[in-house]
Amino acid sequence: MSQTLYYPPSPEQTLFHGVITRRCAALLLDMIGMALFGWAMVFAIAIFGVLTFGFGWIAFHILPWLPLVYYTLLIGGTGATPGQRLTGIVVRQDATLAPPAWPRPLSGRCCSGSASHWPGCLSCSPSSIRAGARRMTCSAA
């Protein structure tokens, strides 16, 4: 008589299934979106620089800040970037399930489990994941 031992997956394992793939896909989609927006900004600044006889080319110095502004405004405003929304990943506060305020993504510690000892930052843990929605939520420490 052969017995096969079957250990059903825990709820935490089923909630984390495919998260890394979705996060990588979200990052790739966001990088494509930022690249398209960045090239549109380069084109607009170049035309603006020609129209202002070169004075407007100083605006090229704002382009390195594009990723920081992109993530801060989108995660702080809606709780997800367009790539994260397309893949079903959302950053939420644990107590109210509201999107984080815009200074939280600015700190750069959104959804890092090792940052739970820092005051005012967001952290992810299996207990803060909602089972029905298959979305990762983060709690404020």
Protein backbone atom coordinates (compact mmCIF):
# COMPACT_ATOMS: atom_id res chain seq x y z
CA MET A 1 0.00 0.00 0.00
CA SER A 2 1.53 3.23 -1.14
CA GLN A 3 0.66 6.45 0.56
CA THR A 4 1.26 9.80 -1.00
CA LEU A 5 1.68 12.62 1.42
CA TYR A 6 0.04 15.80 0.26
CA TYR A 7 0.70 18.99 2.08
CA PRO A 8 -1.77 21.63 0.94
CA PRO A 9 -0.21 25.00 0.34
CA SER A 10 -0.69 27.56 3.06
CA PRO A 11 -2.78 30.65 2.26
CA GLU A 12 0.40 32.74 2.31
CA GLN A 13 1.98 30.60 -0.41
CA THR A 14 -1.04 30.88 -2.67
CA LEU A 15 -1.15 34.64 -2.20
CA PHE A 16 2.50 35.05 -3.17
CA HIS A 17 2.18 32.80 -6.22
CA GLY A 18 3.28 34.74 -9.29
CA VAL A 19 4.06 37.98 -7.44
CA ILE A 20 7.67 38.17 -8.61
CA THR A 21 6.61 37.64 -12.23
CA ARG A 22 3.92 40.30 -11.95
CA ARG A 23 6.31 42.76 -10.30
CA CYS A 24 8.90 42.21 -13.05
CA ALA A 25 6.23 42.67 -15.72
CA ALA A 26 5.01 45.83 -13.97
CA LEU A 27 8.55 47.21 -13.85
CA LEU A 28 9.06 46.46 -17.54
CA LEU A 29 5.76 48.15 -18.46
CA ASP A 30 6.64 51.17 -16.33
CA MET A 31 10.09 51.41 -17.90
CA ILE A 32 8.53 51.39 -21.37
CA GLY A 33 6.06 54.06 -20.31
CA MET A 34 8.78 56.23 -18.77
CA ALA A 35 10.94 55.82 -21.87
CA LEU A 36 8.11 56.95 -24.15
CA PHE A 37 7.30 59.88 -21.88
CA GLY A 38 11.02 60.74 -21.58
CA TRP A 39 11.48 60.81 -25.37
CA ALA A 40 8.39 62.99 -25.70
CA MET A 41 9.89 65.35 -23.10
CA VAL A 42 13.24 65.39 -24.96
CA PHE A 43 11.46 66.29 -28.19
CA ALA A 44 9.36 69.00 -26.49
CA ILE A 45 12.37 70.50 -24.68
CA ALA A 46 14.43 70.49 -27.89
CA ILE A 47 11.72 72.40 -29.74
CA PHE A 48 11.31 74.75 -26.77
CA GLY A 49 15.09 75.30 -26.76
CA VAL A 50 15.09 76.21 -30.45
CA LEU A 51 12.17 78.60 -29.98
CA THR A 52 13.91 80.33 -27.07
CA PHE A 53 17.28 80.49 -28.88
CA GLY A 54 18.88 77.90 -26.59
CA PHE A 55 17.68 79.26 -23.27
CA GLY A 56 15.01 76.56 -22.89
CA TRP A 57 17.58 73.75 -23.12
CA ILE A 58 18.22 74.25 -19.41
CA ALA A 59 15.01 72.26 -18.97
CA PHE A 60 16.96 69.11 -19.93
CA HIS A 61 18.17 69.11 -16.32
CA ILE A 62 14.71 68.03 -15.12
CA LEU A 63 14.83 64.73 -17.05
CA PRO A 64 16.91 62.78 -14.48
CA TRP A 65 14.17 63.48 -11.92
CA LEU A 66 11.51 61.89 -14.13
CA PRO A 67 11.54 58.39 -12.49
CA LEU A 68 11.39 59.80 -8.96
CA VAL A 69 8.48 62.09 -9.82
CA TYR A 70 6.76 59.28 -11.77
CA TYR A 71 6.79 56.82 -8.88
CA THR A 72 6.15 59.39 -6.14
CA LEU A 73 3.11 60.96 -7.76
CA LEU A 74 1.56 57.75 -9.08
CA ILE A 75 2.09 55.51 -6.04
CA GLY A 76 1.29 58.35 -3.67
CA GLY A 77 -1.77 59.45 -5.60
CA THR A 78 -3.45 56.26 -6.83
CA GLY A 79 -1.50 53.54 -5.02
CA ALA A 80 -0.08 52.03 -8.20
CA THR A 81 1.79 52.94 -11.34
CA PRO A 82 0.17 52.04 -14.69
CA GLY A 83 2.32 48.91 -14.95
CA GLN A 84 1.33 47.83 -11.45
CA ARG A 85 -2.35 48.44 -12.19
CA LEU A 86 -2.14 46.32 -15.35
CA THR A 87 -0.61 43.42 -13.40
CA GLY A 88 -2.89 43.72 -10.36
CA ILE A 89 -0.42 45.05 -7.79
CA VAL A 90 -1.54 47.85 -5.49
CA VAL A 91 0.13 49.53 -2.50
CA ARG A 92 -2.34 50.11 0.34
CA GLN A 93 -2.19 51.12 3.99
CA ASP A 94 -3.06 48.26 6.29
CA ALA A 95 -5.39 50.15 8.63
CA THR A 96 -7.58 51.96 6.10
CA LEU A 97 -6.76 50.25 2.77
CA ALA A 98 -6.28 53.73 1.34
CA PRO A 99 -3.43 54.56 -1.04
CA PRO A 100 -0.33 55.85 0.74
CA ALA A 101 0.17 59.59 1.06
CA TRP A 102 2.63 61.01 -1.48
CA PRO A 103 5.54 61.50 1.00
CA ARG A 104 5.68 57.74 1.70
CA PRO A 105 6.80 56.71 -1.81
CA LEU A 106 9.23 59.63 -1.75
CA SER A 107 11.08 57.97 1.13
CA GLY A 108 11.82 55.03 -1.19
CA ARG A 109 10.74 52.41 1.31
CA CYS A 110 7.42 51.29 -0.18
CA CYS A 111 6.87 47.58 0.15
CA SER A 112 10.17 46.58 1.68
CA GLY A 113 9.73 43.98 4.38
CA SER A 114 13.05 44.79 6.02
CA ALA A 115 12.12 48.41 6.62
CA SER A 116 9.48 47.70 9.27
CA HIS A 117 11.68 49.10 12.03
CA TRP A 118 11.77 52.54 10.39
CA PRO A 119 9.04 54.88 11.65
CA GLY A 120 6.54 56.01 9.04
CA CYS A 121 7.49 53.56 6.30
CA LEU A 122 5.49 50.85 4.62
CA SER A 123 6.18 47.17 5.03
CA CYS A 124 4.73 44.02 3.49
CA SER A 125 4.01 40.88 5.39
CA PRO A 126 1.85 37.83 4.73
CA SER A 127 -0.63 38.98 7.37
CA SER A 128 -1.24 42.21 5.48
CA ILE A 129 -2.29 40.52 2.24
CA ARG A 130 -5.97 40.26 1.46
CA ALA A 131 -6.94 36.79 0.33
CA GLY A 132 -9.86 37.68 -1.93
CA ALA A 133 -8.26 40.35 -4.03
CA ARG A 134 -4.88 38.73 -4.85
CA ARG A 135 -3.34 42.14 -4.34
CA MET A 136 -0.34 42.92 -2.20
CA THR A 137 -1.09 45.43 0.51
CA CYS A 138 1.44 47.19 2.68
CA SER A 139 1.06 48.40 6.21
CA ALA A 140 2.39 51.59 7.74
CA ALA A 141 4.88 50.97 10.53
